[in-house]
């Protein structure tokens, strides 16, 4: 995350983020953070991208999911790829189907050192994270999580999280932050904003972070003007985060580029339930 002050202007698009945070073209650091060797489990292999062509595979999967399925409107320098200014500074985690070598799941991880080089994180563009200053030195940002439509039965997410747990342990990092998205497309004839507002009210009732870590959206979803009384389930990824002890940091922001309501979420290693600590950290 950041040690430098971040502007508190409302940022409505990646275009504005680029204007406020111009980043010169720069090569990746020659020595990435400590990572485990590629792992294999249940017909899946897990590895960290080492070359640009591997990053491109992740970007193509992201484009297929975010644009093809969710209807995001992205400005990208390469057709068919989801690319933004953060990608060159992130580590990219890949899950492949061993039989085809196709990338079917991905996360990107922005380390504290790289966030400092950038002057902030993607999440800083959507929320004022001033209250997280004390955590930033050992906090990573997780983002752009997605899984291929044919592989959403849980194994891919478990593989991703196993590698993330190892990454955190090896690099002595203890906190993860990021935006968890609620699609804003109409669902079952129900207005999308009402679904997002209802999910927000449901998770806020039981999973809010302590007041000292709560943050404010820069472009808030107008939850007070929406019907938040619907009986709807959060997306699977959000439910997974909550089961692992994640906390919601505040009300959702609206991301017009992805047409999603984004919840700011924080997970600290110390809050992982024992069963997840054993599974992901071997404790």
C-alpha atoms as a PDB file:
ATOM      1  CA  UNK A   1       0.000   0.000   0.000  1.00  0.00           C
ATOM      2  CA  UNK A   2       1.271   3.588   0.493  1.00  0.00           C
ATOM      3  CA  UNK A   3       3.319   5.634   2.905  1.00  0.00           C
ATOM      4  CA  UNK A   4       2.729   8.796   0.850  1.00  0.00           C
ATOM      5  CA  UNK A   5      -0.389  10.976   0.927  1.00  0.00           C
ATOM      6  CA  UNK A   6      -3.069  10.093  -1.619  1.00  0.00           C
ATOM      7  CA  UNK A   7      -5.377  12.718  -3.184  1.00  0.00           C
ATOM      8  CA  UNK A   8      -8.898  12.671  -1.745  1.00  0.00           C
ATOM      9  CA  UNK A   9     -10.607  13.674  -4.980  1.00  0.00           C
ATOM     10  CA  UNK A  10     -13.426  11.463  -6.237  1.00  0.00           C
ATOM     11  CA  UNK A  11     -11.952   9.239  -8.934  1.00  0.00           C
ATOM     12  CA  UNK A  12     -14.582   8.009 -11.386  1.00  0.00           C
ATOM     13  CA  UNK A  13     -12.409   6.096 -13.821  1.00  0.00           C
ATOM     14  CA  UNK A  14      -9.001   4.637 -14.499  1.00  0.00           C
ATOM     15  CA  UNK A  15      -8.419   7.592 -16.776  1.00  0.00           C
ATOM     16  CA  UNK A  16      -8.437   9.918 -13.795  1.00  0.00           C
ATOM     17  CA  UNK A  17      -6.240   7.538 -11.837  1.00  0.00           C
ATOM     18  CA  UNK A  18      -3.708   7.638 -14.660  1.00  0.00           C
ATOM     19  CA  UNK A  19      -3.774  11.435 -14.625  1.00  0.00           C
ATOM     20  CA  UNK A  20      -3.169  11.665 -10.893  1.00  0.00           C
ATOM     21  CA  UNK A  21      -0.602   8.886 -10.781  1.00  0.00           C
ATOM     22  CA  UNK A  22       1.432   9.063 -14.000  1.00  0.00           C
ATOM     23  CA  UNK A  23       3.831   6.146 -13.994  1.00  0.00           C
ATOM     24  CA  UNK A  24       6.891   6.085 -16.229  1.00  0.00           C
ATOM     25  CA  UNK A  25       7.580   2.924 -18.136  1.00  0.00           C
ATOM     26  CA  UNK A  26       9.877   0.848 -15.964  1.00  0.00           C
ATOM     27  CA  UNK A  27      11.108  -2.723 -15.994  1.00  0.00           C
ATOM     28  CA  UNK A  28      10.028  -5.155 -13.329  1.00  0.00           C
ATOM     29  CA  UNK A  29      12.416  -5.456 -10.407  1.00  0.00           C
ATOM     30  CA  UNK A  30      15.007  -8.131 -11.178  1.00  0.00           C
ATOM     31  CA  UNK A  31      14.472  -9.900  -7.851  1.00  0.00           C
ATOM     32  CA  UNK A  32      10.790 -10.549  -7.093  1.00  0.00           C
ATOM     33  CA  UNK A  33       9.574 -11.362  -3.576  1.00  0.00           C
ATOM     34  CA  UNK A  34      10.286 -14.835  -2.292  1.00  0.00           C
ATOM     35  CA  UNK A  35       7.987 -17.368  -3.958  1.00  0.00           C
ATOM     36  CA  UNK A  36       7.514 -21.088  -3.765  1.00  0.00           C
ATOM     37  CA  UNK A  37       8.331 -23.335  -6.689  1.00  0.00           C
ATOM     38  CA  UNK A  38       5.356 -24.201  -8.929  1.00  0.00           C
ATOM     39  CA  UNK A  39       2.951 -26.626  -7.239  1.00  0.00           C
ATOM     40  CA  UNK A  40       0.600 -29.242  -8.631  1.00  0.00           C
ATOM     41  CA  UNK A  41      -2.652 -30.516  -7.137  1.00  0.00           C
ATOM     42  CA  UNK A  42      -5.731 -32.277  -8.466  1.00  0.00           C
ATOM     43  CA  UNK A  43      -5.054 -31.716 -12.154  1.00  0.00           C
ATOM     44  CA  UNK A  44      -4.124 -28.083 -11.527  1.00  0.00           C
ATOM     45  CA  UNK A  45      -0.731 -26.397 -11.440  1.00  0.00           C
ATOM     46  CA  UNK A  46      -0.012 -23.140  -9.604  1.00  0.00           C
ATOM     47  CA  UNK A  47       2.825 -20.751 -10.427  1.00  0.00           C
ATOM     48  CA  UNK A  48       3.840 -17.105 -10.475  1.00  0.00           C
ATOM     49  CA  UNK A  49       4.251 -15.392 -13.832  1.00  0.00           C
ATOM     50  CA  UNK A  50       7.920 -14.919 -14.704  1.00  0.00           C
ATOM     51  CA  UNK A  51       7.607 -13.546 -18.231  1.00  0.00           C
ATOM     52  CA  UNK A  52       5.420 -11.050 -20.059  1.00  0.00           C
ATOM     53  CA  UNK A  53       3.759 -13.745 -22.142  1.00  0.00           C
ATOM     54  CA  UNK A  54       2.524 -15.400 -18.925  1.00  0.00           C
ATOM     55  CA  UNK A  55       1.125 -12.087 -17.708  1.00  0.00           C
ATOM     56  CA  UNK A  56      -0.641 -11.743 -21.060  1.00  0.00           C
ATOM     57  CA  UNK A  57      -2.359 -15.097 -20.452  1.00  0.00           C
ATOM     58  CA  UNK A  58      -3.768 -13.767 -17.182  1.00  0.00           C
ATOM     59  CA  UNK A  59      -4.841 -10.545 -18.869  1.00  0.00           C
ATOM     60  CA  UNK A  60      -6.707 -12.474 -21.564  1.00  0.00           C
ATOM     61  CA  UNK A  61      -8.590 -14.489 -18.950  1.00  0.00           C
ATOM     62  CA  UNK A  62      -9.455 -11.287 -17.082  1.00  0.00           C
ATOM     63  CA  UNK A  63     -10.775  -9.724 -20.289  1.00  0.00           C
ATOM     64  CA  UNK A  64     -12.898 -12.787 -21.034  1.00  0.00           C
ATOM     65  CA  UNK A  65     -14.464 -12.672 -17.552  1.00  0.00           C
ATOM     66  CA  UNK A  66     -14.761  -8.938 -16.913  1.00  0.00           C
ATOM     67  CA  UNK A  67     -15.689  -7.798 -20.409  1.00  0.00           C
ATOM     68  CA  UNK A  68     -17.176 -10.908 -21.966  1.00  0.00           C
ATOM     69  CA  UNK A  69     -19.238 -12.001 -18.955  1.00  0.00           C
ATOM     70  CA  UNK A  70     -19.690  -8.897 -16.794  1.00  0.00           C
ATOM     71  CA  UNK A  71     -19.885  -6.228 -19.483  1.00  0.00           C
ATOM     72  CA  UNK A  72     -17.039  -4.037 -18.236  1.00  0.00           C
ATOM     73  CA  UNK A  73     -16.062  -1.113 -20.431  1.00  0.00           C
ATOM     74  CA  UNK A  74     -12.267  -1.054 -20.404  1.00  0.00           C
ATOM     75  CA  UNK A  75      -9.689   1.121 -22.079  1.00  0.00           C
ATOM     76  CA  UNK A  76      -6.879  -1.226 -22.977  1.00  0.00           C
ATOM     77  CA  UNK A  77      -3.805  -0.826 -25.169  1.00  0.00           C
ATOM     78  CA  UNK A  78      -4.110  -4.401 -26.477  1.00  0.00           C
ATOM     79  CA  UNK A  79      -7.381  -5.818 -27.789  1.00  0.00           C
ATOM     80  CA  UNK A  80      -8.709  -8.799 -25.884  1.00  0.00           C
ATOM     81  CA  UNK A  81      -6.586  -8.085 -22.804  1.00  0.00           C
ATOM     82  CA  UNK A  82      -7.424  -6.359 -19.507  1.00  0.00           C
ATOM     83  CA  UNK A  83      -4.360  -4.156 -18.906  1.00  0.00           C
ATOM     84  CA  UNK A  84      -3.884  -1.219 -16.574  1.00  0.00           C
ATOM     85  CA  UNK A  85      -0.987   0.757 -15.105  1.00  0.00           C
ATOM     86  CA  UNK A  86      -0.733  -1.491 -12.026  1.00  0.00           C
ATOM     87  CA  UNK A  87       0.026  -4.685 -13.925  1.00  0.00           C
ATOM     88  CA  UNK A  88       3.725  -3.962 -14.495  1.00  0.00           C
ATOM     89  CA  UNK A  89       4.233  -3.493 -10.754  1.00  0.00           C
ATOM     90  CA  UNK A  90       2.294  -6.552  -9.572  1.00  0.00           C
ATOM     91  CA  UNK A  91       3.088 -10.219  -9.159  1.00  0.00           C
ATOM     92  CA  UNK A  92       0.648 -12.397 -11.101  1.00  0.00           C
ATOM     93  CA  UNK A  93      -0.487 -15.740  -9.729  1.00  0.00           C
ATOM     94  CA  UNK A  94      -1.663 -18.315 -12.270  1.00  0.00           C
ATOM     95  CA  UNK A  95      -3.582 -21.567 -12.003  1.00  0.00           C
ATOM     96  CA  UNK A  96      -3.408 -23.822 -15.056  1.00  0.00           C
ATOM     97  CA  UNK A  97      -5.313 -26.891 -16.060  1.00  0.00           C
ATOM     98  CA  UNK A  98      -2.486 -29.408 -16.360  1.00  0.00           C
ATOM     99  CA  UNK A  99      -3.948 -31.312 -19.323  1.00  0.00           C
ATOM    100  CA  UNK A 100      -4.272 -28.216 -21.535  1.00  0.00           C
ATOM    101  CA  UNK A 101      -1.869 -25.744 -19.837  1.00  0.00           C
ATOM    102  CA  UNK A 102      -4.654 -23.142 -20.093  1.00  0.00           C
ATOM    103  CA  UNK A 103      -4.710 -20.417 -17.440  1.00  0.00           C
ATOM    104  CA  UNK A 104      -8.048 -20.851 -15.670  1.00  0.00           C
ATOM    105  CA  UNK A 105      -7.552 -18.719 -12.571  1.00  0.00           C
ATOM    106  CA  UNK A 106      -5.531 -15.677 -11.581  1.00  0.00           C
ATOM    107  CA  UNK A 107      -4.851 -13.084  -8.890  1.00  0.00           C
ATOM    108  CA  UNK A 108      -2.529 -10.130  -8.976  1.00  0.00           C
ATOM    109  CA  UNK A 109      -0.613  -9.034  -5.886  1.00  0.00           C
ATOM    110  CA  UNK A 110       0.821  -5.580  -5.231  1.00  0.00           C
ATOM    111  CA  UNK A 111       3.488  -5.655  -2.521  1.00  0.00           C
ATOM    112  CA  UNK A 112       4.135  -2.781  -0.083  1.00  0.00           C
ATOM    113  CA  UNK A 113       7.403  -1.869  -1.818  1.00  0.00           C
ATOM    114  CA  UNK A 114       5.776  -1.677  -5.253  1.00  0.00           C
ATOM    115  CA  UNK A 115       2.775   0.233  -3.908  1.00  0.00           C
ATOM    116  CA  UNK A 116       5.179   2.793  -2.491  1.00  0.00           C
ATOM    117  CA  UNK A 117       6.859   3.136  -5.893  1.00  0.00           C
ATOM    118  CA  UNK A 118       3.446   3.739  -7.479  1.00  0.00           C
ATOM    119  CA  UNK A 119       2.281   6.141  -4.758  1.00  0.00           C
ATOM    120  CA  UNK A 120      -0.779   4.027  -3.957  1.00  0.00           C
ATOM    121  CA  UNK A 121      -2.898   1.072  -4.926  1.00  0.00           C
ATOM    122  CA  UNK A 122      -5.952   0.426  -7.073  1.00  0.00           C
ATOM    123  CA  UNK A 123      -8.039   0.391  -3.896  1.00  0.00           C
ATOM    124  CA  UNK A 124      -6.765   3.879  -3.037  1.00  0.00           C
ATOM    125  CA  UNK A 125      -8.462   5.051  -6.226  1.00  0.00           C
ATOM    126  CA  UNK A 126     -11.831   3.906  -4.914  1.00  0.00           C
ATOM    127  CA  UNK A 127     -11.516   4.604  -1.183  1.00  0.00           C
ATOM    128  CA  UNK A 128      -9.784   6.968   1.202  1.00  0.00           C
ATOM    129  CA  UNK A 129      -7.525   4.507   3.031  1.00  0.00           C
ATOM    130  CA  UNK A 130      -5.975   7.012   5.422  1.00  0.00           C
ATOM    131  CA  UNK A 131      -6.935   4.905   8.442  1.00  0.00           C
ATOM    132  CA  UNK A 132      -4.864   1.968   7.181  1.00  0.00           C
ATOM    133  CA  UNK A 133      -1.564   3.845   7.397  1.00  0.00           C
ATOM    134  CA  UNK A 134      -0.328   1.779  10.330  1.00  0.00           C
ATOM    135  CA  UNK A 135      -0.817  -1.468   8.382  1.00  0.00           C
ATOM    136  CA  UNK A 136       0.752  -0.588   5.049  1.00  0.00           C
ATOM    137  CA  UNK A 137       4.325  -1.711   5.706  1.00  0.00           C
ATOM    138  CA  UNK A 138       3.218  -5.375   5.786  1.00  0.00           C
ATOM    139  CA  UNK A 139       0.061  -5.191   3.691  1.00  0.00           C
ATOM    140  CA  UNK A 140      -0.454  -6.427   0.134  1.00  0.00           C
ATOM    141  CA  UNK A 141      -3.265  -5.567  -2.228  1.00  0.00           C
ATOM    142  CA  UNK A 142      -5.094  -8.424  -3.931  1.00  0.00           C
ATOM    143  CA  UNK A 143      -6.943  -7.704  -7.141  1.00  0.00           C
ATOM    144  CA  UNK A 144      -8.277  -8.849 -10.490  1.00  0.00           C
ATOM    145  CA  UNK A 145      -9.308 -12.229  -9.096  1.00  0.00           C
ATOM    146  CA  UNK A 146     -11.129 -14.350 -11.647  1.00  0.00           C
ATOM    147  CA  UNK A 147     -11.740 -17.978 -12.573  1.00  0.00           C
ATOM    148  CA  UNK A 148     -12.719 -19.413 -15.947  1.00  0.00           C
ATOM    149  CA  UNK A 149     -16.458 -20.098 -16.233  1.00  0.00           C
ATOM    150  CA  UNK A 150     -15.887 -23.848 -16.625  1.00  0.00           C
ATOM    151  CA  UNK A 151     -13.834 -24.179 -13.425  1.00  0.00           C
ATOM    152  CA  UNK A 152     -15.771 -22.490 -10.632  1.00  0.00           C
ATOM    153  CA  UNK A 153     -16.289 -25.477  -8.362  1.00  0.00           C
ATOM    154  CA  UNK A 154     -13.859 -24.365  -5.655  1.00  0.00           C
ATOM    155  CA  UNK A 155     -10.621 -26.159  -6.492  1.00  0.00           C
ATOM    156  CA  UNK A 156      -9.120 -23.231  -8.375  1.00  0.00           C
ATOM    157  CA  UNK A 157      -9.811 -20.768  -5.556  1.00  0.00           C
ATOM    158  CA  UNK A 158      -8.301 -23.170  -3.010  1.00  0.00           C
ATOM    159  CA  UNK A 159      -5.192 -23.489  -5.179  1.00  0.00           C
ATOM    160  CA  UNK A 160      -4.898 -19.701  -5.465  1.00  0.00           C
ATOM    161  CA  UNK A 161      -5.310 -19.197  -1.734  1.00  0.00           C
ATOM    162  CA  UNK A 162      -2.779 -21.888  -0.896  1.00  0.00           C
ATOM    163  CA  UNK A 163      -0.167 -20.075  -2.992  1.00  0.00           C
ATOM    164  CA  UNK A 164      -1.142 -16.697  -1.516  1.00  0.00           C
ATOM    165  CA  UNK A 165      -0.752 -18.040   2.026  1.00  0.00           C
ATOM    166  CA  UNK A 166       2.721 -19.315   1.178  1.00  0.00           C
ATOM    167  CA  UNK A 167       3.599 -15.955  -0.414  1.00  0.00           C
ATOM    168  CA  UNK A 168       2.526 -14.047   2.693  1.00  0.00           C
ATOM    169  CA  UNK A 169       4.485 -16.355   4.983  1.00  0.00           C
ATOM    170  CA  UNK A 170       7.683 -16.267   2.909  1.00  0.00           C
ATOM    171  CA  UNK A 171       7.675 -12.470   2.696  1.00  0.00           C
ATOM    172  CA  UNK A 172       6.656 -11.836   6.327  1.00  0.00           C
ATOM    173  CA  UNK A 173       3.482 -10.010   5.321  1.00  0.00           C
ATOM    174  CA  UNK A 174       0.403 -10.153   7.510  1.00  0.00           C
ATOM    175  CA  UNK A 175      -2.448  -8.166   5.931  1.00  0.00           C
ATOM    176  CA  UNK A 176      -4.368  -8.312   2.653  1.00  0.00           C
ATOM    177  CA  UNK A 177      -6.656  -5.612   1.300  1.00  0.00           C
ATOM    178  CA  UNK A 178      -8.674  -5.243  -1.863  1.00  0.00           C
ATOM    179  CA  UNK A 179     -11.989  -4.534  -3.541  1.00  0.00           C
ATOM    180  CA  UNK A 180     -14.536  -7.353  -3.688  1.00  0.00           C
ATOM    181  CA  UNK A 181     -16.962  -6.708  -6.517  1.00  0.00           C
ATOM    182  CA  UNK A 182     -20.734  -7.154  -6.730  1.00  0.00           C
ATOM    183  CA  UNK A 183     -21.861  -7.171 -10.391  1.00  0.00           C
ATOM    184  CA  UNK A 184     -24.360  -4.421 -11.175  1.00  0.00           C
ATOM    185  CA  UNK A 185     -26.087  -6.132 -14.077  1.00  0.00           C
ATOM    186  CA  UNK A 186     -29.793  -6.868 -13.528  1.00  0.00           C
ATOM    187  CA  UNK A 187     -30.276 -10.128 -11.623  1.00  0.00           C
ATOM    188  CA  UNK A 188     -33.527 -12.024 -11.984  1.00  0.00           C
ATOM    189  CA  UNK A 189     -35.426  -8.883 -12.894  1.00  0.00           C
ATOM    190  CA  UNK A 190     -34.291  -7.115  -9.713  1.00  0.00           C
ATOM    191  CA  UNK A 191     -32.581  -3.736  -9.985  1.00  0.00           C
ATOM    192  CA  UNK A 192     -28.846  -4.308  -9.627  1.00  0.00           C
ATOM    193  CA  UNK A 193     -28.375  -1.456  -7.182  1.00  0.00           C
ATOM    194  CA  UNK A 194     -30.917  -3.004  -4.836  1.00  0.00           C
ATOM    195  CA  UNK A 195     -29.010  -6.289  -4.855  1.00  0.00           C
ATOM    196  CA  UNK A 196     -25.748  -4.549  -4.031  1.00  0.00           C
ATOM    197  CA  UNK A 197     -27.350  -2.455  -1.273  1.00  0.00           C
ATOM    198  CA  UNK A 198     -28.924  -5.567   0.244  1.00  0.00           C
ATOM    199  CA  UNK A 199     -25.634  -7.454   0.251  1.00  0.00           C
ATOM    200  CA  UNK A 200     -23.905  -4.463   1.840  1.00  0.00           C
ATOM    201  CA  UNK A 201     -26.449  -4.240   4.649  1.00  0.00           C
ATOM    202  CA  UNK A 202     -26.231  -7.973   5.256  1.00  0.00           C
ATOM    203  CA  UNK A 203     -22.453  -8.165   5.533  1.00  0.00           C
ATOM    204  CA  UNK A 204     -22.156  -4.875   7.434  1.00  0.00           C
ATOM    205  CA  UNK A 205     -24.382  -6.225  10.193  1.00  0.00           C
ATOM    206  CA  UNK A 206     -21.929  -8.995  11.077  1.00  0.00           C
ATOM    207  CA  UNK A 207     -18.575  -8.365   9.442  1.00  0.00           C
ATOM    208  CA  UNK A 208     -17.640  -4.690   9.841  1.00  0.00           C
ATOM    209  CA  UNK A 209     -14.066  -3.836  10.757  1.00  0.00           C
ATOM    210  CA  UNK A 210     -13.347  -1.867  13.951  1.00  0.00           C
ATOM    211  CA  UNK A 211     -13.941   1.852  13.596  1.00  0.00           C
ATOM    212  CA  UNK A 212     -10.202   2.637  13.457  1.00  0.00           C
ATOM    213  CA  UNK A 213      -9.949   0.783  10.125  1.00  0.00           C
ATOM    214  CA  UNK A 214     -13.147   1.958   8.455  1.00  0.00           C
ATOM    215  CA  UNK A 215     -12.807   3.874   5.179  1.00  0.00           C
ATOM    216  CA  UNK A 216     -14.895   6.082   2.904  1.00  0.00           C
ATOM    217  CA  UNK A 217     -15.702   5.505  -0.793  1.00  0.00           C
ATOM    218  CA  UNK A 218     -14.703   8.226  -3.219  1.00  0.00           C
ATOM    219  CA  UNK A 219     -17.662   7.546  -5.516  1.00  0.00           C
ATOM    220  CA  UNK A 220     -20.267   6.024  -3.168  1.00  0.00           C
ATOM    221  CA  UNK A 221     -23.033   3.732  -4.279  1.00  0.00           C
ATOM    222  CA  UNK A 222     -26.176   5.579  -3.028  1.00  0.00           C
ATOM    223  CA  UNK A 223     -27.232   2.743  -0.723  1.00  0.00           C
ATOM    224  CA  UNK A 224     -29.649   4.954   1.255  1.00  0.00           C
ATOM    225  CA  UNK A 225     -31.695   5.505  -1.912  1.00  0.00           C
ATOM    226  CA  UNK A 226     -31.879   1.792  -2.755  1.00  0.00           C
ATOM    227  CA  UNK A 227     -33.885  -1.128  -1.426  1.00  0.00           C
ATOM    228  CA  UNK A 228     -31.527  -2.915   0.945  1.00  0.00           C
ATOM    229  CA  UNK A 229     -34.079  -5.396   2.272  1.00  0.00           C
ATOM    230  CA  UNK A 230     -33.754  -8.132  -0.371  1.00  0.00           C
ATOM    231  CA  UNK A 231     -32.871 -11.648   0.730  1.00  0.00           C
ATOM    232  CA  UNK A 232     -29.868 -12.203  -1.532  1.00  0.00           C
ATOM    233  CA  UNK A 233     -26.594 -14.056  -1.115  1.00  0.00           C
ATOM    234  CA  UNK A 234     -23.209 -12.341  -1.543  1.00  0.00           C
ATOM    235  CA  UNK A 235     -21.054 -13.522  -4.447  1.00  0.00           C
ATOM    236  CA  UNK A 236     -19.088 -16.696  -3.734  1.00  0.00           C
ATOM    237  CA  UNK A 237     -15.761 -14.875  -3.465  1.00  0.00           C
ATOM    238  CA  UNK A 238     -17.095 -12.466  -0.829  1.00  0.00           C
ATOM    239  CA  UNK A 239     -18.572 -15.367   1.159  1.00  0.00           C
ATOM    240  CA  UNK A 240     -15.213 -17.107   0.976  1.00  0.00           C
ATOM    241  CA  UNK A 241     -13.394 -14.050   2.299  1.00  0.00           C
ATOM    242  CA  UNK A 242     -15.849 -13.705   5.174  1.00  0.00           C
ATOM    243  CA  UNK A 243     -15.477 -17.371   6.137  1.00  0.00           C
ATOM    244  CA  UNK A 244     -11.740 -16.783   6.410  1.00  0.00           C
ATOM    245  CA  UNK A 245     -12.216 -13.889   8.813  1.00  0.00           C
ATOM    246  CA  UNK A 246     -12.134 -10.915   6.445  1.00  0.00           C
ATOM    247  CA  UNK A 247     -13.720  -7.651   7.523  1.00  0.00           C
ATOM    248  CA  UNK A 248     -15.637  -5.087   5.496  1.00  0.00           C
ATOM    249  CA  UNK A 249     -14.051  -1.654   5.810  1.00  0.00           C
ATOM    250  CA  UNK A 250     -16.967   0.492   4.705  1.00  0.00           C
ATOM    251  CA  UNK A 251     -19.834   1.130   2.310  1.00  0.00           C
ATOM    252  CA  UNK A 252     -19.431   0.156  -1.356  1.00  0.00           C
ATOM    253  CA  UNK A 253     -18.032   2.360  -4.072  1.00  0.00           C
ATOM    254  CA  UNK A 254     -19.436   2.335  -7.584  1.00  0.00           C
ATOM    255  CA  UNK A 255     -16.906   1.448 -10.275  1.00  0.00           C
ATOM    256  CA  UNK A 256     -18.408   2.702 -13.546  1.00  0.00           C
ATOM    257  CA  UNK A 257     -15.731   1.055 -15.713  1.00  0.00           C
ATOM    258  CA  UNK A 258     -16.548  -2.429 -14.437  1.00  0.00           C
ATOM    259  CA  UNK A 259     -20.173  -1.572 -13.559  1.00  0.00           C
ATOM    260  CA  UNK A 260     -19.747  -3.091 -10.110  1.00  0.00           C
ATOM    261  CA  UNK A 261     -20.342  -2.137  -6.505  1.00  0.00           C
ATOM    262  CA  UNK A 262     -16.984  -2.646  -4.789  1.00  0.00           C
ATOM    263  CA  UNK A 263     -16.697  -3.523  -1.113  1.00  0.00           C
ATOM    264  CA  UNK A 264     -13.409  -2.654   0.598  1.00  0.00           C
ATOM    265  CA  UNK A 265     -12.230  -5.734   2.474  1.00  0.00           C
ATOM    266  CA  UNK A 266      -9.320  -6.507   4.754  1.00  0.00           C
ATOM    267  CA  UNK A 267      -7.998  -9.853   5.940  1.00  0.00           C
ATOM    268  CA  UNK A 268      -5.285 -10.234   8.557  1.00  0.00           C
ATOM    269  CA  UNK A 269      -3.393 -13.502   8.912  1.00  0.00           C
ATOM    270  CA  UNK A 270      -3.974 -13.404  12.670  1.00  0.00           C
ATOM    271  CA  UNK A 271      -7.749 -13.532  12.055  1.00  0.00           C
ATOM    272  CA  UNK A 272      -7.689 -16.716   9.953  1.00  0.00           C
ATOM    273  CA  UNK A 273      -9.688 -19.495  11.666  1.00  0.00           C
ATOM    274  CA  UNK A 274      -7.555 -22.425  12.812  1.00  0.00           C
ATOM    275  CA  UNK A 275      -8.690 -24.738  10.015  1.00  0.00           C
ATOM    276  CA  UNK A 276      -7.583 -22.236   7.367  1.00  0.00           C
ATOM    277  CA  UNK A 277      -4.283 -21.595   9.106  1.00  0.00           C
ATOM    278  CA  UNK A 278      -3.575 -25.323   8.977  1.00  0.00           C
ATOM    279  CA  UNK A 279      -4.640 -25.586   5.340  1.00  0.00           C
ATOM    280  CA  UNK A 280      -2.910 -22.516   3.924  1.00  0.00           C
ATOM    281  CA  UNK A 281      -0.008 -21.953   6.356  1.00  0.00           C
ATOM    282  CA  UNK A 282       0.632 -25.472   7.632  1.00  0.00           C
ATOM    283  CA  UNK A 283       0.261 -24.350  11.262  1.00  0.00           C
END
